[in-house]
């Protein structure tokens, strides 16, 4: 059984999950961008399966947190928006995945050492 941390909460403490990433659409965006260098807005929208407005709202939240950078330009007189995960975004996503893994019992937890 895992010992509670200094704050008295055990391994199942969900409060370590990043609420900005934890939303379903934002989680899907971050998961996609974690393996892609960048994505054009239309491609990301198709991958995630949401409307323009819904994706824009979630990207704004991720951008405000510093997790993604949004670059807008025109190509052949058409707007082109590209989304890239920032270094802070990569760090936050890695921490999120590690914390979720710990909650699910899939990985080492703070203070645990290999007993073998």
PDB file of N, CA and C in Angstrom:
ATOM      1  N   UNK A   1       0.850  -1.175   0.000  1.00  0.00           N
ATOM      2  CA  UNK A   1       0.000   0.000   0.000  1.00  0.00           C
ATOM      3  C   UNK A   1       0.896   1.238   0.000  1.00  0.00           C
ATOM      4  N   UNK A   2       0.550   2.203  -0.848  1.00  0.00           N
ATOM      5  CA  UNK A   2       1.361   3.417  -0.945  1.00  0.00           C
ATOM      6  C   UNK A   2       1.144   4.287   0.278  1.00  0.00           C
ATOM      7  N   UNK A   3       2.225   4.882   0.733  1.00  0.00           N
ATOM      8  CA  UNK A   3       2.129   5.797   1.853  1.00  0.00           C
ATOM      9  C   UNK A   3       1.553   7.114   1.376  1.00  0.00           C
ATOM     10  N   UNK A   4       0.768   7.777   2.222  1.00  0.00           N
ATOM     11  CA  UNK A   4       0.298   9.104   1.852  1.00  0.00           C
ATOM     12  C   UNK A   4       1.484  10.049   1.736  1.00  0.00           C
ATOM     13  N   UNK A   5       1.334  11.038   0.890  1.00  0.00           N
ATOM     14  CA  UNK A   5       2.392  12.038   0.746  1.00  0.00           C
ATOM     15  C   UNK A   5       2.415  12.962   1.939  1.00  0.00           C
ATOM     16  N   UNK A   6       3.255  13.962   1.868  1.00  0.00           N
ATOM     17  CA  UNK A   6       3.399  14.918   2.963  1.00  0.00           C
ATOM     18  C   UNK A   6       2.088  15.632   3.253  1.00  0.00           C
ATOM     19  N   UNK A   7       1.220  15.754   2.240  1.00  0.00           N
ATOM     20  CA  UNK A   7      -0.057  16.434   2.456  1.00  0.00           C
ATOM     21  C   UNK A   7      -1.142  15.483   2.955  1.00  0.00           C
ATOM     22  N   UNK A   8      -0.765  14.203   3.197  1.00  0.00           N
ATOM     23  CA  UNK A   8      -1.714  13.245   3.746  1.00  0.00           C
ATOM     24  C   UNK A   8      -2.553  12.536   2.697  1.00  0.00           C
ATOM     25  N   UNK A   9      -2.251  12.729   1.409  1.00  0.00           N
ATOM     26  CA  UNK A   9      -3.030  12.107   0.342  1.00  0.00           C
ATOM     27  C   UNK A   9      -2.227  10.980  -0.278  1.00  0.00           C
ATOM     28  N   UNK A  10      -2.894   9.886  -0.580  1.00  0.00           N
ATOM     29  CA  UNK A  10      -2.231   8.702  -1.108  1.00  0.00           C
ATOM     30  C   UNK A  10      -2.073   8.717  -2.613  1.00  0.00           C
ATOM     31  N   UNK A  11      -1.730   7.565  -3.135  1.00  0.00           N
ATOM     32  CA  UNK A  11      -1.442   7.404  -4.554  1.00  0.00           C
ATOM     33  C   UNK A  11      -2.655   7.683  -5.434  1.00  0.00           C
ATOM     34  N   UNK A  12      -3.854   7.590  -4.901  1.00  0.00           N
ATOM     35  CA  UNK A  12      -5.053   7.827  -5.695  1.00  0.00           C
ATOM     36  C   UNK A  12      -5.518   9.279  -5.645  1.00  0.00           C
ATOM     37  N   UNK A  13      -4.646  10.160  -5.241  1.00  0.00           N
ATOM     38  CA  UNK A  13      -4.987  11.580  -5.183  1.00  0.00           C
ATOM     39  C   UNK A  13      -5.054  12.131  -6.609  1.00  0.00           C
ATOM     40  N   UNK A  14      -6.251  12.400  -7.057  1.00  0.00           N
ATOM     41  CA  UNK A  14      -6.498  12.891  -8.413  1.00  0.00           C
ATOM     42  C   UNK A  14      -6.107  14.353  -8.602  1.00  0.00           C
ATOM     43  N   UNK A  15      -5.863  15.068  -7.525  1.00  0.00           N
ATOM     44  CA  UNK A  15      -5.601  16.502  -7.640  1.00  0.00           C
ATOM     45  C   UNK A  15      -4.289  16.821  -8.343  1.00  0.00           C
ATOM     46  N   UNK A  16      -3.437  15.831  -8.552  1.00  0.00           N
ATOM     47  CA  UNK A  16      -2.198  16.059  -9.279  1.00  0.00           C
ATOM     48  C   UNK A  16      -2.392  16.129 -10.787  1.00  0.00           C
ATOM     49  N   UNK A  17      -3.607  15.809 -11.257  1.00  0.00           N
ATOM     50  CA  UNK A  17      -3.877  15.881 -12.689  1.00  0.00           C
ATOM     51  C   UNK A  17      -4.091  17.331 -13.111  1.00  0.00           C
ATOM     52  N   UNK A  18      -3.491  17.714 -14.205  1.00  0.00           N
ATOM     53  CA  UNK A  18      -3.588  19.070 -14.739  1.00  0.00           C
ATOM     54  C   UNK A  18      -4.978  19.268 -15.352  1.00  0.00           C
ATOM     55  N   UNK A  19      -5.785  20.135 -14.759  1.00  0.00           N
ATOM     56  CA  UNK A  19      -7.145  20.378 -15.243  1.00  0.00           C
ATOM     57  C   UNK A  19      -7.175  20.966 -16.650  1.00  0.00           C
ATOM     58  N   UNK A  20      -6.156  21.692 -17.032  1.00  0.00           N
ATOM     59  CA  UNK A  20      -6.123  22.256 -18.380  1.00  0.00           C
ATOM     60  C   UNK A  20      -6.034  21.122 -19.396  1.00  0.00           C
ATOM     61  N   UNK A  21      -5.232  20.125 -19.148  1.00  0.00           N
ATOM     62  CA  UNK A  21      -5.060  19.009 -20.072  1.00  0.00           C
ATOM     63  C   UNK A  21      -6.201  17.999 -19.943  1.00  0.00           C
ATOM     64  N   UNK A  22      -6.760  17.860 -18.767  1.00  0.00           N
ATOM     65  CA  UNK A  22      -7.681  16.761 -18.471  1.00  0.00           C
ATOM     66  C   UNK A  22      -8.992  16.807 -19.248  1.00  0.00           C
ATOM     67  N   UNK A  23      -9.395  17.957 -19.771  1.00  0.00           N
ATOM     68  CA  UNK A  23     -10.602  18.009 -20.593  1.00  0.00           C
ATOM     69  C   UNK A  23     -10.446  17.099 -21.798  1.00  0.00           C
ATOM     70  N   UNK A  24     -11.502  16.411 -22.197  1.00  0.00           N
ATOM     71  CA  UNK A  24     -11.413  15.385 -23.252  1.00  0.00           C
ATOM     72  C   UNK A  24     -10.836  15.924 -24.555  1.00  0.00           C
ATOM     73  N   UNK A  25     -11.327  17.057 -25.024  1.00  0.00           N
ATOM     74  CA  UNK A  25     -10.836  17.601 -26.294  1.00  0.00           C
ATOM     75  C   UNK A  25      -9.391  18.060 -26.144  1.00  0.00           C
ATOM     76  N   UNK A  26      -9.080  18.745 -25.051  1.00  0.00           N
ATOM     77  CA  UNK A  26      -7.700  19.206 -24.842  1.00  0.00           C
ATOM     78  C   UNK A  26      -6.742  18.030 -24.694  1.00  0.00           C
ATOM     79  N   UNK A  27      -7.180  16.971 -24.040  1.00  0.00           N
ATOM     80  CA  UNK A  27      -6.350  15.773 -23.917  1.00  0.00           C
ATOM     81  C   UNK A  27      -6.073  15.171 -25.293  1.00  0.00           C
ATOM     82  N   UNK A  28      -7.087  15.107 -26.144  1.00  0.00           N
ATOM     83  CA  UNK A  28      -6.908  14.574 -27.496  1.00  0.00           C
ATOM     84  C   UNK A  28      -5.941  15.448 -28.295  1.00  0.00           C
ATOM     85  N   UNK A  29      -6.071  16.756 -28.174  1.00  0.00           N
ATOM     86  CA  UNK A  29      -5.169  17.682 -28.876  1.00  0.00           C
ATOM     87  C   UNK A  29      -3.739  17.473 -28.402  1.00  0.00           C
ATOM     88  N   UNK A  30      -3.546  17.429 -27.094  1.00  0.00           N
ATOM     89  CA  UNK A  30      -2.204  17.264 -26.538  1.00  0.00           C
ATOM     90  C   UNK A  30      -1.611  15.907 -26.929  1.00  0.00           C
ATOM     91  N   UNK A  31      -2.419  14.862 -26.912  1.00  0.00           N
ATOM     92  CA  UNK A  31      -1.932  13.532 -27.292  1.00  0.00           C
ATOM     93  C   UNK A  31      -1.481  13.535 -28.749  1.00  0.00           C
ATOM     94  N   UNK A  32      -2.237  14.186 -29.617  1.00  0.00           N
ATOM     95  CA  UNK A  32      -1.856  14.241 -31.024  1.00  0.00           C
ATOM     96  C   UNK A  32      -0.573  15.054 -31.204  1.00  0.00           C
ATOM     97  N   UNK A  33      -0.538  16.226 -30.574  1.00  0.00           N
ATOM     98  CA  UNK A  33       0.628  17.102 -30.747  1.00  0.00           C
ATOM     99  C   UNK A  33       1.891  16.548 -30.083  1.00  0.00           C
ATOM    100  N   UNK A  34       1.736  15.662 -29.111  1.00  0.00           N
ATOM    101  CA  UNK A  34       2.904  15.086 -28.441  1.00  0.00           C
ATOM    102  C   UNK A  34       3.759  14.282 -29.408  1.00  0.00           C
ATOM    103  N   UNK A  35       3.142  13.752 -30.454  1.00  0.00           N
ATOM    104  CA  UNK A  35       3.895  12.945 -31.411  1.00  0.00           C
ATOM    105  C   UNK A  35       4.065  13.632 -32.762  1.00  0.00           C
ATOM    106  N   UNK A  36       3.377  14.734 -32.976  1.00  0.00           N
ATOM    107  CA  UNK A  36       3.490  15.475 -34.239  1.00  0.00           C
ATOM    108  C   UNK A  36       4.319  16.735 -33.996  1.00  0.00           C
ATOM    109  N   UNK A  37       5.086  17.119 -34.975  1.00  0.00           N
ATOM    110  CA  UNK A  37       5.854  18.361 -34.844  1.00  0.00           C
ATOM    111  C   UNK A  37       4.905  19.543 -34.728  1.00  0.00           C
ATOM    112  N   UNK A  38       3.910  19.571 -35.587  1.00  0.00           N
ATOM    113  CA  UNK A  38       2.875  20.596 -35.565  1.00  0.00           C
ATOM    114  C   UNK A  38       1.696  20.069 -36.365  1.00  0.00           C
ATOM    115  N   UNK A  39       0.587  20.793 -36.326  1.00  0.00           N
ATOM    116  CA  UNK A  39      -0.593  20.378 -37.079  1.00  0.00           C
ATOM    117  C   UNK A  39      -1.330  21.606 -37.566  1.00  0.00           C
ATOM    118  N   UNK A  40      -1.814  21.530 -38.790  1.00  0.00           N
ATOM    119  CA  UNK A  40      -2.666  22.586 -39.300  1.00  0.00           C
ATOM    120  C   UNK A  40      -4.035  22.442 -38.644  1.00  0.00           C
ATOM    121  N   UNK A  41      -4.696  23.574 -38.453  1.00  0.00           N
ATOM    122  CA  UNK A  41      -5.978  23.609 -37.752  1.00  0.00           C
ATOM    123  C   UNK A  41      -6.969  22.600 -38.343  1.00  0.00           C
ATOM    124  N   UNK A  42      -7.144  22.598 -39.658  1.00  0.00           N
ATOM    125  CA  UNK A  42      -8.112  21.702 -40.292  1.00  0.00           C
ATOM    126  C   UNK A  42      -7.789  20.235 -40.065  1.00  0.00           C
ATOM    127  N   UNK A  43      -6.519  19.895 -40.124  1.00  0.00           N
ATOM    128  CA  UNK A  43      -6.103  18.515 -39.884  1.00  0.00           C
ATOM    129  C   UNK A  43      -6.356  18.134 -38.425  1.00  0.00           C
ATOM    130  N   UNK A  44      -6.009  19.018 -37.509  1.00  0.00           N
ATOM    131  CA  UNK A  44      -6.217  18.750 -36.087  1.00  0.00           C
ATOM    132  C   UNK A  44      -7.712  18.603 -35.796  1.00  0.00           C
ATOM    133  N   UNK A  45      -8.521  19.464 -36.403  1.00  0.00           N
ATOM    134  CA  UNK A  45      -9.975  19.388 -36.233  1.00  0.00           C
ATOM    135  C   UNK A  45     -10.502  18.028 -36.692  1.00  0.00           C
ATOM    136  N   UNK A  46     -10.023  17.551 -37.833  1.00  0.00           N
ATOM    137  CA  UNK A  46     -10.455  16.253 -38.349  1.00  0.00           C
ATOM    138  C   UNK A  46      -9.996  15.113 -37.436  1.00  0.00           C
ATOM    139  N   UNK A  47      -8.774  15.196 -36.921  1.00  0.00           N
ATOM    140  CA  UNK A  47      -8.251  14.150 -36.046  1.00  0.00           C
ATOM    141  C   UNK A  47      -9.026  14.072 -34.730  1.00  0.00           C
ATOM    142  N   UNK A  48      -9.360  15.229 -34.183  1.00  0.00           N
ATOM    143  CA  UNK A  48     -10.030  15.280 -32.882  1.00  0.00           C
ATOM    144  C   UNK A  48     -11.546  15.091 -33.033  1.00  0.00           C
ATOM    145  N   UNK A  49     -12.089  15.498 -34.183  1.00  0.00           N
ATOM    146  CA  UNK A  49     -13.510  15.307 -34.442  1.00  0.00           C
ATOM    147  C   UNK A  49     -14.419  16.318 -33.777  1.00  0.00           C
ATOM    148  N   UNK A  50     -14.022  17.586 -33.811  1.00  0.00           N
ATOM    149  CA  UNK A  50     -14.832  18.644 -33.215  1.00  0.00           C
ATOM    150  C   UNK A  50     -15.051  19.765 -34.234  1.00  0.00           C
ATOM    151  N   UNK A  51     -15.924  20.699 -33.888  1.00  0.00           N
ATOM    152  CA  UNK A  51     -16.207  21.830 -34.764  1.00  0.00           C
ATOM    153  C   UNK A  51     -15.090  22.869 -34.684  1.00  0.00           C
ATOM    154  N   UNK A  52     -15.083  23.793 -35.638  1.00  0.00           N
ATOM    155  CA  UNK A  52     -14.103  24.887 -35.628  1.00  0.00           C
ATOM    156  C   UNK A  52     -14.145  25.655 -34.309  1.00  0.00           C
ATOM    157  N   UNK A  53     -15.341  26.045 -33.902  1.00  0.00           N
ATOM    158  CA  UNK A  53     -15.491  26.843 -32.689  1.00  0.00           C
ATOM    159  C   UNK A  53     -15.055  26.095 -31.442  1.00  0.00           C
ATOM    160  N   UNK A  54     -15.408  24.828 -31.372  1.00  0.00           N
ATOM    161  CA  UNK A  54     -15.033  24.025 -30.210  1.00  0.00           C
ATOM    162  C   UNK A  54     -13.519  23.891 -30.129  1.00  0.00           C
ATOM    163  N   UNK A  55     -12.878  23.578 -31.259  1.00  0.00           N
ATOM    164  CA  UNK A  55     -11.424  23.445 -31.261  1.00  0.00           C
ATOM    165  C   UNK A  55     -10.757  24.764 -30.909  1.00  0.00           C
ATOM    166  N   UNK A  56     -11.268  25.863 -31.468  1.00  0.00           N
ATOM    167  CA  UNK A  56     -10.696  27.187 -31.179  1.00  0.00           C
ATOM    168  C   UNK A  56     -10.737  27.495 -29.690  1.00  0.00           C
ATOM    169  N   UNK A  57     -11.862  27.186 -29.054  1.00  0.00           N
ATOM    170  CA  UNK A  57     -12.006  27.437 -27.616  1.00  0.00           C
ATOM    171  C   UNK A  57     -10.987  26.640 -26.811  1.00  0.00           C
ATOM    172  N   UNK A  58     -10.827  25.377 -27.143  1.00  0.00           N
ATOM    173  CA  UNK A  58      -9.890  24.533 -26.400  1.00  0.00           C
ATOM    174  C   UNK A  58      -8.440  24.919 -26.689  1.00  0.00           C
ATOM    175  N   UNK A  59      -8.142  25.295 -27.925  1.00  0.00           N
ATOM    176  CA  UNK A  59      -6.786  25.743 -28.242  1.00  0.00           C
ATOM    177  C   UNK A  59      -6.448  27.021 -27.494  1.00  0.00           C
ATOM    178  N   UNK A  60      -7.415  27.898 -27.344  1.00  0.00           N
ATOM    179  CA  UNK A  60      -7.186  29.142 -26.608  1.00  0.00           C
ATOM    180  C   UNK A  60      -6.799  28.842 -25.161  1.00  0.00           C
ATOM    181  N   UNK A  61      -7.477  27.885 -24.539  1.00  0.00           N
ATOM    182  CA  UNK A  61      -7.151  27.512 -23.151  1.00  0.00           C
ATOM    183  C   UNK A  61      -5.744  26.928 -23.062  1.00  0.00           C
ATOM    184  N   UNK A  62      -5.396  26.085 -24.026  1.00  0.00           N
ATOM    185  CA  UNK A  62      -4.048  25.507 -24.035  1.00  0.00           C
ATOM    186  C   UNK A  62      -2.999  26.584 -24.298  1.00  0.00           C
ATOM    187  N   UNK A  63      -3.311  27.536 -25.156  1.00  0.00           N
ATOM    188  CA  UNK A  63      -2.383  28.628 -25.448  1.00  0.00           C
ATOM    189  C   UNK A  63      -2.201  29.524 -24.229  1.00  0.00           C
ATOM    190  N   UNK A  64      -3.286  29.836 -23.536  1.00  0.00           N
ATOM    191  CA  UNK A  64      -3.212  30.665 -22.330  1.00  0.00           C
ATOM    192  C   UNK A  64      -2.356  30.006 -21.254  1.00  0.00           C
ATOM    193  N   UNK A  65      -2.370  28.678 -21.208  1.00  0.00           N
ATOM    194  CA  UNK A  65      -1.555  27.934 -20.237  1.00  0.00           C
ATOM    195  C   UNK A  65      -0.098  27.839 -20.693  1.00  0.00           C
ATOM    196  N   UNK A  66       0.173  28.229 -21.941  1.00  0.00           N
ATOM    197  CA  UNK A  66       1.534  28.151 -22.463  1.00  0.00           C
ATOM    198  C   UNK A  66       1.885  26.780 -23.018  1.00  0.00           C
ATOM    199  N   UNK A  67       0.876  25.933 -23.239  1.00  0.00           N
ATOM    200  CA  UNK A  67       1.119  24.568 -23.688  1.00  0.00           C
ATOM    201  C   UNK A  67       1.212  24.429 -25.204  1.00  0.00           C
ATOM    202  N   UNK A  68       0.585  25.350 -25.936  1.00  0.00           N
ATOM    203  CA  UNK A  68       0.679  25.331 -27.394  1.00  0.00           C
ATOM    204  C   UNK A  68       0.968  26.739 -27.891  1.00  0.00           C
ATOM    205  N   UNK A  69       1.556  26.793 -29.075  1.00  0.00           N
ATOM    206  CA  UNK A  69       1.763  28.061 -29.778  1.00  0.00           C
ATOM    207  C   UNK A  69       0.923  27.999 -31.049  1.00  0.00           C
ATOM    208  N   UNK A  70       0.233  29.079 -31.329  1.00  0.00           N
ATOM    209  CA  UNK A  70      -0.626  29.144 -32.503  1.00  0.00           C
ATOM    210  C   UNK A  70      -0.047  30.179 -33.456  1.00  0.00           C
ATOM    211  N   UNK A  71       0.199  29.745 -34.686  1.00  0.00           N
ATOM    212  CA  UNK A  71       0.786  30.616 -35.706  1.00  0.00           C
ATOM    213  C   UNK A  71      -0.218  30.779 -36.838  1.00  0.00           C
ATOM    214  N   UNK A  72      -0.554  32.033 -37.153  1.00  0.00           N
ATOM    215  CA  UNK A  72      -1.510  32.310 -38.223  1.00  0.00           C
ATOM    216  C   UNK A  72      -0.793  33.043 -39.338  1.00  0.00           C
ATOM    217  N   UNK A  73      -1.071  32.597 -40.564  1.00  0.00           N
ATOM    218  CA  UNK A  73      -0.499  33.253 -41.733  1.00  0.00           C
ATOM    219  C   UNK A  73      -1.456  33.039 -42.905  1.00  0.00           C
ATOM    220  N   UNK A  74      -1.154  33.664 -44.001  1.00  0.00           N
ATOM    221  CA  UNK A  74      -1.948  33.473 -45.208  1.00  0.00           C
ATOM    222  C   UNK A  74      -1.116  32.743 -46.243  1.00  0.00           C
ATOM    223  N   UNK A  75      -1.743  31.809 -46.911  1.00  0.00           N
ATOM    224  CA  UNK A  75      -1.103  31.084 -47.986  1.00  0.00           C
ATOM    225  C   UNK A  75      -2.080  31.082 -49.164  1.00  0.00           C
ATOM    226  N   UNK A  76      -1.648  31.696 -50.253  1.00  0.00           N
ATOM    227  CA  UNK A  76      -2.518  31.846 -51.427  1.00  0.00           C
ATOM    228  C   UNK A  76      -3.833  32.515 -51.049  1.00  0.00           C
ATOM    229  N   UNK A  77      -3.720  33.581 -50.268  1.00  0.00           N
ATOM    230  CA  UNK A  77      -4.867  34.389 -49.823  1.00  0.00           C
ATOM    231  C   UNK A  77      -5.829  33.658 -48.892  1.00  0.00           C
ATOM    232  N   UNK A  78      -5.432  32.514 -48.398  1.00  0.00           N
ATOM    233  CA  UNK A  78      -6.278  31.771 -47.465  1.00  0.00           C
ATOM    234  C   UNK A  78      -5.589  31.705 -46.115  1.00  0.00           C
ATOM    235  N   UNK A  79      -6.376  31.866 -45.048  1.00  0.00           N
ATOM    236  CA  UNK A  79      -5.768  31.780 -43.721  1.00  0.00           C
ATOM    237  C   UNK A  79      -5.303  30.354 -43.429  1.00  0.00           C
ATOM    238  N   UNK A  80      -4.155  30.259 -42.806  1.00  0.00           N
ATOM    239  CA  UNK A  80      -3.605  28.961 -42.422  1.00  0.00           C
ATOM    240  C   UNK A  80      -3.133  29.069 -40.978  1.00  0.00           C
ATOM    241  N   UNK A  81      -3.704  28.256 -40.118  1.00  0.00           N
ATOM    242  CA  UNK A  81      -3.361  28.253 -38.703  1.00  0.00           C
ATOM    243  C   UNK A  81      -2.633  26.952 -38.387  1.00  0.00           C
ATOM    244  N   UNK A  82      -1.462  27.087 -37.782  1.00  0.00           N
ATOM    245  CA  UNK A  82      -0.663  25.936 -37.392  1.00  0.00           C
ATOM    246  C   UNK A  82      -0.513  25.936 -35.876  1.00  0.00           C
ATOM    247  N   UNK A  83      -0.654  24.777 -35.282  1.00  0.00           N
ATOM    248  CA  UNK A  83      -0.561  24.621 -33.829  1.00  0.00           C
ATOM    249  C   UNK A  83       0.644  23.742 -33.515  1.00  0.00           C
ATOM    250  N   UNK A  84       1.465  24.194 -32.566  1.00  0.00           N
ATOM    251  CA  UNK A  84       2.653  23.466 -32.143  1.00  0.00           C
ATOM    252  C   UNK A  84       2.670  23.370 -30.621  1.00  0.00           C
ATOM    253  N   UNK A  85       3.040  22.199 -30.103  1.00  0.00           N
ATOM    254  CA  UNK A  85       3.176  22.068 -28.654  1.00  0.00           C
ATOM    255  C   UNK A  85       4.483  22.725 -28.225  1.00  0.00           C
ATOM    256  N   UNK A  86       4.436  23.506 -27.163  1.00  0.00           N
ATOM    257  CA  UNK A  86       5.626  24.176 -26.639  1.00  0.00           C
ATOM    258  C   UNK A  86       6.399  23.217 -25.733  1.00  0.00           C
ATOM    259  N   UNK A  87       7.587  23.638 -25.343  1.00  0.00           N
ATOM    260  CA  UNK A  87       8.374  22.833 -24.394  1.00  0.00           C
ATOM    261  C   UNK A  87       7.614  22.690 -23.074  1.00  0.00           C
ATOM    262  N   UNK A  88       6.986  23.782 -22.626  1.00  0.00           N
ATOM    263  CA  UNK A  88       6.181  23.703 -21.399  1.00  0.00           C
ATOM    264  C   UNK A  88       5.026  22.727 -21.584  1.00  0.00           C
ATOM    265  N   UNK A  89       4.458  22.684 -22.778  1.00  0.00           N
ATOM    266  CA  UNK A  89       3.387  21.746 -23.076  1.00  0.00           C
ATOM    267  C   UNK A  89       3.861  20.312 -23.016  1.00  0.00           C
ATOM    268  N   UNK A  90       5.056  20.056 -23.582  1.00  0.00           N
ATOM    269  CA  UNK A  90       5.616  18.698 -23.516  1.00  0.00           C
ATOM    270  C   UNK A  90       5.852  18.285 -22.071  1.00  0.00           C
ATOM    271  N   UNK A  91       6.402  19.180 -21.271  1.00  0.00           N
ATOM    272  CA  UNK A  91       6.663  18.858 -19.867  1.00  0.00           C
ATOM    273  C   UNK A  91       5.364  18.602 -19.113  1.00  0.00           C
ATOM    274  N   UNK A  92       4.365  19.453 -19.350  1.00  0.00           N
ATOM    275  CA  UNK A  92       3.075  19.295 -18.666  1.00  0.00           C
ATOM    276  C   UNK A  92       2.392  17.997 -19.089  1.00  0.00           C
ATOM    277  N   UNK A  93       2.468  17.666 -20.372  1.00  0.00           N
ATOM    278  CA  UNK A  93       1.831  16.440 -20.862  1.00  0.00           C
ATOM    279  C   UNK A  93       2.538  15.207 -20.303  1.00  0.00           C
ATOM    280  N   UNK A  94       3.867  15.229 -20.271  1.00  0.00           N
ATOM    281  CA  UNK A  94       4.615  14.110 -19.692  1.00  0.00           C
ATOM    282  C   UNK A  94       4.251  13.916 -18.221  1.00  0.00           C
ATOM    283  N   UNK A  95       4.149  15.025 -17.485  1.00  0.00           N
ATOM    284  CA  UNK A  95       3.776  14.955 -16.064  1.00  0.00           C
ATOM    285  C   UNK A  95       2.347  14.428 -15.906  1.00  0.00           C
ATOM    286  N   UNK A  96       1.460  14.859 -16.785  1.00  0.00           N
ATOM    287  CA  UNK A  96       0.071  14.396 -16.752  1.00  0.00           C
ATOM    288  C   UNK A  96       0.006  12.887 -16.975  1.00  0.00           C
ATOM    289  N   UNK A  97       0.700  12.416 -18.009  1.00  0.00           N
ATOM    290  CA  UNK A  97       0.697  10.989 -18.334  1.00  0.00           C
ATOM    291  C   UNK A  97       1.294  10.177 -17.176  1.00  0.00           C
ATOM    292  N   UNK A  98       2.373  10.668 -16.582  1.00  0.00           N
ATOM    293  CA  UNK A  98       2.994   9.970 -15.454  1.00  0.00           C
ATOM    294  C   UNK A  98       2.042   9.912 -14.263  1.00  0.00           C
ATOM    295  N   UNK A  99       1.353  11.012 -13.985  1.00  0.00           N
ATOM    296  CA  UNK A  99       0.433  11.050 -12.850  1.00  0.00           C
ATOM    297  C   UNK A  99      -0.752  10.133 -13.093  1.00  0.00           C
ATOM    298  N   UNK A 100      -1.270  10.138 -14.318  1.00  0.00           N
ATOM    299  CA  UNK A 100      -2.386   9.265 -14.656  1.00  0.00           C
ATOM    300  C   UNK A 100      -1.955   7.802 -14.548  1.00  0.00           C
ATOM    301  N   UNK A 101      -0.747   7.510 -15.012  1.00  0.00           N
ATOM    302  CA  UNK A 101      -0.219   6.152 -14.883  1.00  0.00           C
ATOM    303  C   UNK A 101      -0.118   5.725 -13.427  1.00  0.00           C
ATOM    304  N   UNK A 102       0.317   6.633 -12.577  1.00  0.00           N
ATOM    305  CA  UNK A 102       0.413   6.323 -11.144  1.00  0.00           C
ATOM    306  C   UNK A 102      -0.970   6.066 -10.555  1.00  0.00           C
ATOM    307  N   UNK A 103      -1.950   6.861 -10.973  1.00  0.00           N
ATOM    308  CA  UNK A 103      -3.316   6.654 -10.489  1.00  0.00           C
ATOM    309  C   UNK A 103      -3.839   5.281 -10.890  1.00  0.00           C
ATOM    310  N   UNK A 104      -3.448   4.841 -12.073  1.00  0.00           N
ATOM    311  CA  UNK A 104      -3.917   3.557 -12.583  1.00  0.00           C
ATOM    312  C   UNK A 104      -3.038   2.395 -12.142  1.00  0.00           C
ATOM    313  N   UNK A 105      -1.984   2.709 -11.397  1.00  0.00           N
ATOM    314  CA  UNK A 105      -1.073   1.670 -10.929  1.00  0.00           C
ATOM    315  C   UNK A 105      -0.171   1.138 -12.025  1.00  0.00           C
ATOM    316  N   UNK A 106       0.093   1.952 -13.056  1.00  0.00           N
ATOM    317  CA  UNK A 106       0.887   1.505 -14.192  1.00  0.00           C
ATOM    318  C   UNK A 106       2.355   1.867 -14.109  1.00  0.00           C
ATOM    319  N   UNK A 107       2.729   2.650 -13.127  1.00  0.00           N
ATOM    320  CA  UNK A 107       4.117   3.063 -13.073  1.00  0.00           C
ATOM    321  C   UNK A 107       4.555   3.326 -11.658  1.00  0.00           C
ATOM    322  N   UNK A 108       5.826   3.661 -11.492  1.00  0.00           N
ATOM    323  CA  UNK A 108       6.345   3.953 -10.146  1.00  0.00           C
ATOM    324  C   UNK A 108       5.688   5.202  -9.589  1.00  0.00           C
ATOM    325  N   UNK A 109       5.549   5.204  -8.292  1.00  0.00           N
ATOM    326  CA  UNK A 109       4.969   6.355  -7.624  1.00  0.00           C
ATOM    327  C   UNK A 109       6.056   7.030  -6.816  1.00  0.00           C
ATOM    328  N   UNK A 110       5.865   8.290  -6.493  1.00  0.00           N
ATOM    329  CA  UNK A 110       6.867   9.026  -5.733  1.00  0.00           C
ATOM    330  C   UNK A 110       7.298   8.258  -4.499  1.00  0.00           C
ATOM    331  N   UNK A 111       8.591   8.102  -4.337  1.00  0.00           N
ATOM    332  CA  UNK A 111       9.131   7.465  -3.145  1.00  0.00           C
ATOM    333  C   UNK A 111       9.219   5.960  -3.244  1.00  0.00           C
ATOM    334  N   UNK A 112       8.611   5.361  -4.281  1.00  0.00           N
ATOM    335  CA  UNK A 112       8.688   3.913  -4.430  1.00  0.00           C
ATOM    336  C   UNK A 112      10.015   3.534  -5.069  1.00  0.00           C
ATOM    337  N   UNK A 113      10.603   2.477  -4.578  1.00  0.00           N
ATOM    338  CA  UNK A 113      11.861   1.968  -5.157  1.00  0.00           C
ATOM    339  C   UNK A 113      11.590   0.543  -5.643  1.00  0.00           C
ATOM    340  N   UNK A 114      12.323   0.139  -6.626  1.00  0.00           N
ATOM    341  CA  UNK A 114      12.175  -1.225  -7.108  1.00  0.00           C
ATOM    342  C   UNK A 114      12.612  -2.190  -6.012  1.00  0.00           C
ATOM    343  N   UNK A 115      11.745  -3.125  -5.695  1.00  0.00           N
ATOM    344  CA  UNK A 115      12.028  -4.060  -4.605  1.00  0.00           C
ATOM    345  C   UNK A 115      12.830  -5.250  -5.087  1.00  0.00           C
ATOM    346  N   UNK A 116      12.968  -5.380  -6.401  1.00  0.00           N
ATOM    347  CA  UNK A 116      13.652  -6.554  -6.918  1.00  0.00           C
ATOM    348  C   UNK A 116      15.101  -6.335  -7.157  1.00  0.00           C
TER     349      UNK A 116
END
